[in-house]
Amino acid sequence: MAASASLAVADDAGEMLMEKERLMFQRSLIEVSLAPMKKHLLELTALEKQRAEARDYTGAIAVREERRRVEGELERLDKELLLLQMREQSIKASQLPDRVTLPLEQAELSGVRLEGGLLTGWNKIGASAKWKLPALPPGGYEVILHYRSGPLDGGEILIEESRFKLKGQIDTTLKGPQEKNLGTLKVTDGSGSLTLSAATLIKDKLMDLMAVHLVPATK
C-alpha cells in the first residue's frame, strides 16, 4: 500500500510538472507574439490616418478593419495570457510546503545581530532583518514569528514586501518562547524581499527572534 501511494504521489508530481512546463511554453509563445503585433497595430493606426488625410477613404476603411481585427486578437491573447498566469500560480501554490521558513542566517541585518541561533539586538527603532523570498507565487501569506520577549521588551514590528505592509504587536512572553500569527501579508513579488523592522519599543528591546514562517493563506 505504501509503495502504491508513493507511486501515485510521484505520478501526480510528474503530471503537475508537465502541466507547469506546458503552461510556461504557451505563455512564452504568447509573450513573444505580443511585441510584433503591437508594433503592427501602431503602423496600422498611422497608415489609417495617412489615408484619411489623403482622402483615400476606401483605403482608410480597409486599414481600419484590419486595425480592429488586430486589436481584437490582442485582447484575446491578453485574456488567454491572464488565464495561463493564474493557472501557473495555482500550480505553484499547490506545491508549496505548509510552511515556508526564512533562514535566520540568510537575513541581511541592520542594527540586529545573529547570536546563539537567534536574531537579537532589536533595541532601536528601525533595526531590521531582510530576506530574499524564495520565488513564491504571489498571494496572501500569514506571517508567523517564533520569539521570546522579556518583561521590559516588546513593541510593534513592521513587515514589508515590495508594495504591501503589515504591523503586528510583539507581546511579553513571561511563559517562555511563543509563536504568534501577526496576520496576512499580500506578497506581490515572490522573488523580491521581505523586511522585518522595529516600529516601536516598550523599553529595552523588541524581542529575540527564533524563527520566521510564511504560511500560504490558501492552504
Protein backbone atom coordinates (compact mmCIF):
# COMPACT_ATOMS: atom_id res chain seq x y z
CA MET A 1 0.00 0.00 0.00
CA ALA A 2 2.82 2.41 0.92
CA ALA A 3 4.60 1.69 -2.37
CA SER A 4 1.38 2.30 -4.33
CA ALA A 5 0.81 5.58 -2.51
CA SER A 6 4.37 6.70 -3.24
CA LEU A 7 3.94 5.87 -6.93
CA ALA A 8 0.68 7.80 -7.04
CA VAL A 9 2.34 10.85 -5.44
CA ALA A 10 5.24 10.60 -7.91
CA ASP A 11 2.79 10.35 -10.85
CA ASP A 12 0.87 13.39 -9.60
CA ALA A 13 4.10 15.36 -9.20
CA GLY A 14 5.20 14.35 -12.71
CA GLU A 15 1.88 15.37 -14.24
CA MET A 16 1.99 18.66 -12.35
CA LEU A 17 5.50 19.37 -13.65
CA MET A 18 4.46 18.60 -17.24
CA GLU A 19 1.41 20.83 -16.91
CA LYS A 20 3.55 23.62 -15.49
CA GLU A 21 6.06 23.34 -18.36
CA ARG A 22 3.23 23.28 -20.92
CA LEU A 23 1.74 26.44 -19.44
CA MET A 24 5.12 28.17 -19.42
CA PHE A 25 5.65 27.22 -23.08
CA GLN A 26 2.22 28.54 -24.08
CA ARG A 27 2.81 31.74 -22.13
CA SER A 28 6.21 32.28 -23.78
CA LEU A 29 4.67 31.86 -27.25
CA ILE A 30 2.04 34.49 -26.49
CA GLU A 31 4.55 36.90 -24.94
CA VAL A 32 6.83 36.61 -27.98
CA SER A 33 3.96 37.38 -30.37
CA LEU A 34 2.69 40.44 -28.47
CA ALA A 35 5.52 42.86 -29.34
CA PRO A 36 5.32 42.49 -33.17
CA MET A 37 1.52 42.64 -33.05
CA LYS A 38 1.61 45.87 -31.03
CA LYS A 39 4.13 47.32 -33.48
CA HIS A 40 1.86 46.32 -36.38
CA LEU A 41 -1.09 47.98 -34.63
CA LEU A 42 0.82 51.27 -34.36
CA GLU A 43 1.73 51.05 -38.05
CA LEU A 44 -1.91 50.44 -39.00
CA THR A 45 -3.05 53.39 -36.89
CA ALA A 46 -0.56 55.68 -38.63
CA LEU A 47 -1.49 54.30 -42.06
CA GLU A 48 -5.20 54.79 -41.44
CA LYS A 49 -4.58 58.42 -40.53
CA GLN A 50 -2.43 58.97 -43.62
CA ARG A 51 -5.06 57.54 -45.98
CA ALA A 52 -7.83 59.53 -44.36
CA GLU A 53 -5.80 62.74 -44.70
CA ALA A 54 -5.17 61.85 -48.36
CA ARG A 55 -8.95 61.38 -48.76
CA ASP A 56 -8.43 57.74 -49.68
CA TYR A 57 -11.47 56.78 -47.66
CA THR A 58 -11.82 53.31 -49.15
CA GLY A 59 -8.21 52.54 -48.20
CA ALA A 60 -8.66 54.08 -44.75
CA ILE A 61 -11.73 51.91 -44.09
CA ALA A 62 -9.84 48.79 -45.17
CA VAL A 63 -6.95 49.64 -42.85
CA ARG A 64 -9.39 50.41 -40.03
CA GLU A 65 -10.96 46.97 -40.39
CA GLU A 66 -7.52 45.36 -40.21
CA ARG A 67 -6.65 47.50 -37.19
CA ARG A 68 -9.81 46.39 -35.39
CA ARG A 69 -9.01 42.76 -36.20
CA VAL A 70 -5.53 43.11 -34.69
CA GLU A 71 -6.94 44.87 -31.61
CA GLY A 72 -9.41 42.01 -31.13
CA GLU A 73 -6.61 39.46 -31.41
CA LEU A 74 -4.51 41.35 -28.87
CA GLU A 75 -7.44 41.44 -26.44
CA ARG A 76 -7.95 37.69 -26.90
CA LEU A 77 -4.26 36.96 -26.30
CA ASP A 78 -4.24 39.23 -23.23
CA LYS A 79 -7.14 37.27 -21.69
CA GLU A 80 -5.51 33.96 -22.56
CA LEU A 81 -2.23 35.11 -21.01
CA LEU A 82 -4.03 36.10 -17.81
CA LEU A 83 -5.68 32.67 -17.58
CA LEU A 84 -2.33 30.92 -18.12
CA GLN A 85 -0.68 33.05 -15.42
CA MET A 86 -3.49 32.30 -12.97
CA ARG A 87 -3.17 28.57 -13.68
CA GLU A 88 0.61 28.71 -13.18
CA GLN A 89 0.18 30.50 -9.85
CA SER A 90 -2.38 27.90 -8.77
CA ILE A 91 0.04 25.06 -9.53
CA LYS A 92 2.90 26.82 -7.71
CA ALA A 93 0.68 27.42 -4.68
CA SER A 94 -0.38 23.76 -4.57
CA GLN A 95 3.29 22.71 -4.49
CA LEU A 96 4.24 24.98 -1.61
CA PRO A 97 5.01 23.38 1.75
CA ASP A 98 2.61 24.08 4.61
CA ARG A 99 5.22 26.49 5.98
CA VAL A 100 7.96 28.44 4.23
CA THR A 101 10.75 29.10 6.72
CA LEU A 102 13.07 32.07 6.21
CA PRO A 103 16.56 31.04 7.45
CA LEU A 104 17.85 33.46 10.07
CA GLU A 105 21.44 33.09 8.85
CA GLN A 106 20.44 34.33 5.39
CA ALA A 107 18.98 37.62 6.60
CA GLU A 108 20.59 40.95 5.77
CA LEU A 109 20.85 42.65 9.17
CA SER A 110 20.81 46.30 10.19
CA GLY A 111 21.09 47.08 13.92
CA VAL A 112 20.38 43.41 14.63
CA ARG A 113 22.82 40.53 15.17
CA LEU A 114 22.73 36.76 14.89
CA GLU A 115 23.75 35.30 18.22
CA GLY A 116 23.23 31.78 19.55
CA GLY A 117 20.88 30.94 16.71
CA LEU A 118 18.68 33.98 17.47
CA LEU A 119 18.28 37.40 15.91
CA THR A 120 18.75 39.76 18.82
CA GLY A 121 19.63 43.40 19.44
CA TRP A 122 16.33 44.89 18.29
CA ASN A 123 16.91 47.85 20.64
CA LYS A 124 16.46 50.75 18.20
CA ILE A 125 13.50 51.80 16.08
CA GLY A 126 14.32 50.84 12.50
CA ALA A 127 16.52 47.86 13.42
CA SER A 128 15.76 45.30 10.74
CA ALA A 129 16.30 41.92 9.09
CA LYS A 130 15.68 41.45 5.38
CA TRP A 131 15.29 38.23 3.40
CA LYS A 132 15.16 37.47 -0.32
CA LEU A 133 12.00 35.48 -0.91
CA PRO A 134 12.38 32.02 -2.50
CA ALA A 135 10.34 32.59 -5.70
CA LEU A 136 6.94 32.37 -4.01
CA PRO A 137 3.77 32.65 -6.10
CA PRO A 138 2.02 35.98 -5.46
CA GLY A 139 -0.77 35.85 -2.90
CA GLY A 140 -1.56 36.13 0.78
CA TYR A 141 0.80 34.70 3.39
CA GLU A 142 0.30 34.50 7.13
CA VAL A 143 3.39 35.83 8.91
CA ILE A 144 4.24 33.72 11.95
CA LEU A 145 7.05 34.60 14.35
CA HIS A 146 8.60 32.36 17.00
CA TYR A 147 10.21 34.60 19.60
CA ARG A 148 10.81 35.41 23.24
CA SER A 149 10.34 38.78 24.88
CA GLY A 150 11.10 39.76 28.48
CA PRO A 151 9.07 41.97 30.86
CA LEU A 152 10.60 45.21 29.53
CA ASP A 153 10.70 44.03 25.91
CA GLY A 154 8.08 44.21 23.20
CA GLY A 155 6.52 46.81 20.93
CA GLU A 156 5.38 46.86 17.32
CA ILE A 157 7.03 45.19 14.36
CA LEU A 158 6.62 46.21 10.72
CA ILE A 159 6.64 43.57 7.97
CA GLU A 160 7.10 44.83 4.40
CA GLU A 161 7.33 43.39 0.92
CA SER A 162 7.72 45.36 -2.32
CA ARG A 163 4.28 47.03 -2.09
CA PHE A 164 2.35 45.97 1.00
CA LYS A 165 2.95 46.32 4.74
CA LEU A 166 1.70 44.64 7.89
CA LYS A 167 2.11 45.72 11.53
CA GLY A 168 1.95 43.39 14.49
CA GLN A 169 2.27 43.59 18.27
CA ILE A 170 5.16 41.81 19.98
CA ASP A 171 3.95 40.86 23.45
CA THR A 172 5.92 39.99 26.56
CA THR A 173 6.33 36.20 26.83
CA LEU A 174 6.58 35.50 30.56
CA LYS A 175 5.90 31.80 29.99
CA GLY A 176 8.84 31.41 27.62
CA PRO A 177 9.10 31.47 23.83
CA GLN A 178 5.87 31.75 21.91
CA GLU A 179 4.64 31.56 18.34
CA LYS A 180 2.38 34.32 17.09
CA ASN A 181 0.46 34.83 13.86
CA LEU A 182 0.77 38.52 13.01
CA GLY A 183 -1.77 38.40 10.20
CA THR A 184 -1.81 38.01 6.43
CA LEU A 185 0.58 39.93 4.20
CA LYS A 186 -0.10 40.20 0.48
CA VAL A 187 3.04 39.29 -1.48
CA THR A 188 3.20 40.77 -4.97
CA ASP A 189 6.81 39.88 -5.85
CA GLY A 190 7.64 36.38 -4.67
CA SER A 191 11.29 36.79 -5.68
CA GLY A 192 11.64 40.17 -4.02
CA SER A 193 12.44 40.94 -0.41
CA LEU A 194 10.64 40.73 2.91
CA THR A 195 11.77 43.00 5.75
CA LEU A 196 11.03 42.90 9.47
CA SER A 197 11.80 46.12 11.35
CA ALA A 198 11.19 47.53 14.82
CA ALA A 199 8.41 50.14 14.60
CA THR A 200 8.03 50.94 18.33
CA LEU A 201 9.74 49.77 21.53
CA ILE A 202 8.30 49.48 25.03
CA LYS A 203 11.72 49.95 26.65
CA ASP A 204 14.79 47.72 26.25
CA LYS A 205 14.36 45.79 23.02
CA LEU A 206 11.69 44.35 20.77
CA MET A 207 12.42 40.61 21.10
CA ASP A 208 14.77 37.74 20.45
CA LEU A 209 13.63 36.25 17.16
CA MET A 210 13.86 32.46 16.88
CA ALA A 211 12.11 31.75 13.56
CA VAL A 212 10.06 33.34 10.77
CA HIS A 213 7.47 31.31 8.88
CA LEU A 214 5.20 32.19 5.97
CA VAL A 215 2.05 30.12 5.59
CA PRO A 216 0.15 30.34 2.30
CA ALA A 217 -3.27 31.73 3.13
CA THR A 218 -4.89 29.35 0.62
CA LYS A 219 -3.53 26.23 2.35
